[in-house]
Amino acid sequence: MANLALVYGMRLLPAEDLQQVGDADVKLKNGNTAHVTMHVLEGSKEEIEKQLRNSLEAFFEFYPDL
């Protein structure tokens, strides 16, 4: 199995301050660019933590061979 890198970012902001969230660009050594889809989770601390755990579990379901 290849050595993998999970790319992610987090920032906690007041939900009412958000206007738009876009993709993040990742530059690869081969000169290509990949895109990372950004996700927004809203709610209380506990709700956000639960949503984040569920999202992480669902993400790895896309890669059953890992």
C-alpha atoms as a PDB file:
ATOM      1  CA  MET A   1       0.000   0.000   0.000  1.00  0.00           C
ATOM      2  CA  ALA A   2       1.219   3.494  -0.822  1.00  0.00           C
ATOM      3  CA  ASN A   3       2.062   5.999   1.880  1.00  0.00           C
ATOM      4  CA  LEU A   4      -0.996   8.269   1.980  1.00  0.00           C
ATOM      5  CA  ALA A   5      -1.623  11.889   2.991  1.00  0.00           C
ATOM      6  CA  LEU A   6      -5.031  13.050   4.235  1.00  0.00           C
ATOM      7  CA  VAL A   7      -5.431  16.744   3.393  1.00  0.00           C
ATOM      8  CA  TYR A   8      -7.929  18.691   5.458  1.00  0.00           C
ATOM      9  CA  GLY A   9      -8.497  22.064   7.076  1.00  0.00           C
ATOM     10  CA  MET A  10     -10.636  23.367   9.911  1.00  0.00           C
ATOM     11  CA  ARG A  11     -11.704  26.731  11.158  1.00  0.00           C
ATOM     12  CA  LEU A  12     -14.488  27.521  13.593  1.00  0.00           C
ATOM     13  CA  LEU A  13     -16.497  30.642  12.713  1.00  0.00           C
ATOM     14  CA  PRO A  14     -19.898  32.026  13.672  1.00  0.00           C
ATOM     15  CA  ALA A  15     -22.366  30.370  11.260  1.00  0.00           C
ATOM     16  CA  GLU A  16     -24.108  33.672  10.543  1.00  0.00           C
ATOM     17  CA  ASP A  17     -20.826  35.163   9.275  1.00  0.00           C
ATOM     18  CA  LEU A  18     -20.400  32.632   6.436  1.00  0.00           C
ATOM     19  CA  GLN A  19     -21.200  33.805   2.951  1.00  0.00           C
ATOM     20  CA  GLN A  20     -19.409  31.334   0.662  1.00  0.00           C
ATOM     21  CA  VAL A  21     -17.032  28.387   0.893  1.00  0.00           C
ATOM     22  CA  GLY A  22     -15.030  27.235  -2.133  1.00  0.00           C
ATOM     23  CA  ASP A  23     -12.714  24.373  -2.990  1.00  0.00           C
ATOM     24  CA  ALA A  24      -9.081  24.428  -1.906  1.00  0.00           C
ATOM     25  CA  ASP A  25      -6.321  23.765  -4.436  1.00  0.00           C
ATOM     26  CA  VAL A  26      -3.508  21.301  -3.802  1.00  0.00           C
ATOM     27  CA  LYS A  27      -0.381  21.481  -5.972  1.00  0.00           C
ATOM     28  CA  LEU A  28       1.209  18.113  -6.705  1.00  0.00           C
ATOM     29  CA  LYS A  29       4.903  17.475  -7.331  1.00  0.00           C
ATOM     30  CA  ASN A  30       4.154  16.322 -10.880  1.00  0.00           C
ATOM     31  CA  GLY A  31       2.814  19.803 -11.702  1.00  0.00           C
ATOM     32  CA  ASN A  32      -0.861  18.853 -11.546  1.00  0.00           C
ATOM     33  CA  THR A  33      -3.419  20.514  -9.312  1.00  0.00           C
ATOM     34  CA  ALA A  34      -5.985  18.606  -7.268  1.00  0.00           C
ATOM     35  CA  HIS A  35      -9.019  20.076  -5.563  1.00  0.00           C
ATOM     36  CA  VAL A  36     -10.225  19.476  -2.025  1.00  0.00           C
ATOM     37  CA  THR A  37     -13.929  19.956  -1.458  1.00  0.00           C
ATOM     38  CA  MET A  38     -14.578  22.013   1.638  1.00  0.00           C
ATOM     39  CA  HIS A  39     -17.495  21.078   3.885  1.00  0.00           C
ATOM     40  CA  VAL A  40     -19.451  23.156   6.379  1.00  0.00           C
ATOM     41  CA  LEU A  41     -20.822  21.649   9.590  1.00  0.00           C
ATOM     42  CA  GLU A  42     -23.116  23.777  11.736  1.00  0.00           C
ATOM     43  CA  GLY A  43     -24.590  23.307  15.191  1.00  0.00           C
ATOM     44  CA  SER A  44     -23.472  23.037  18.773  1.00  0.00           C
ATOM     45  CA  LYS A  45     -20.030  21.712  19.660  1.00  0.00           C
ATOM     46  CA  GLU A  46     -21.498  18.267  20.251  1.00  0.00           C
ATOM     47  CA  GLU A  47     -23.482  18.313  16.986  1.00  0.00           C
ATOM     48  CA  ILE A  48     -20.419  19.369  14.993  1.00  0.00           C
ATOM     49  CA  GLU A  49     -18.275  16.666  16.609  1.00  0.00           C
ATOM     50  CA  LYS A  50     -20.899  14.011  15.768  1.00  0.00           C
ATOM     51  CA  GLN A  51     -21.228  15.216  12.166  1.00  0.00           C
ATOM     52  CA  LEU A  52     -17.434  15.268  11.783  1.00  0.00           C
ATOM     53  CA  ARG A  53     -17.092  11.688  13.074  1.00  0.00           C
ATOM     54  CA  ASN A  54     -19.843  10.521  10.710  1.00  0.00           C
ATOM     55  CA  SER A  55     -18.240  12.336   7.774  1.00  0.00           C
ATOM     56  CA  LEU A  56     -14.846  10.791   8.491  1.00  0.00           C
ATOM     57  CA  GLU A  57     -16.324   7.296   8.713  1.00  0.00           C
ATOM     58  CA  ALA A  58     -18.246   7.825   5.454  1.00  0.00           C
ATOM     59  CA  PHE A  59     -15.124   9.164   3.727  1.00  0.00           C
ATOM     60  CA  PHE A  60     -13.161   5.982   4.406  1.00  0.00           C
ATOM     61  CA  GLU A  61     -16.069   3.850   3.129  1.00  0.00           C
ATOM     62  CA  PHE A  62     -15.037   5.152  -0.325  1.00  0.00           C
ATOM     63  CA  TYR A  63     -11.700   3.343   0.176  1.00  0.00           C
ATOM     64  CA  PRO A  64     -12.599  -0.164   1.414  1.00  0.00           C
ATOM     65  CA  ASP A  65      -9.159  -1.555   0.504  1.00  0.00           C
ATOM     66  CA  LEU A  66      -7.323   0.616   3.041  1.00  0.00           C
END
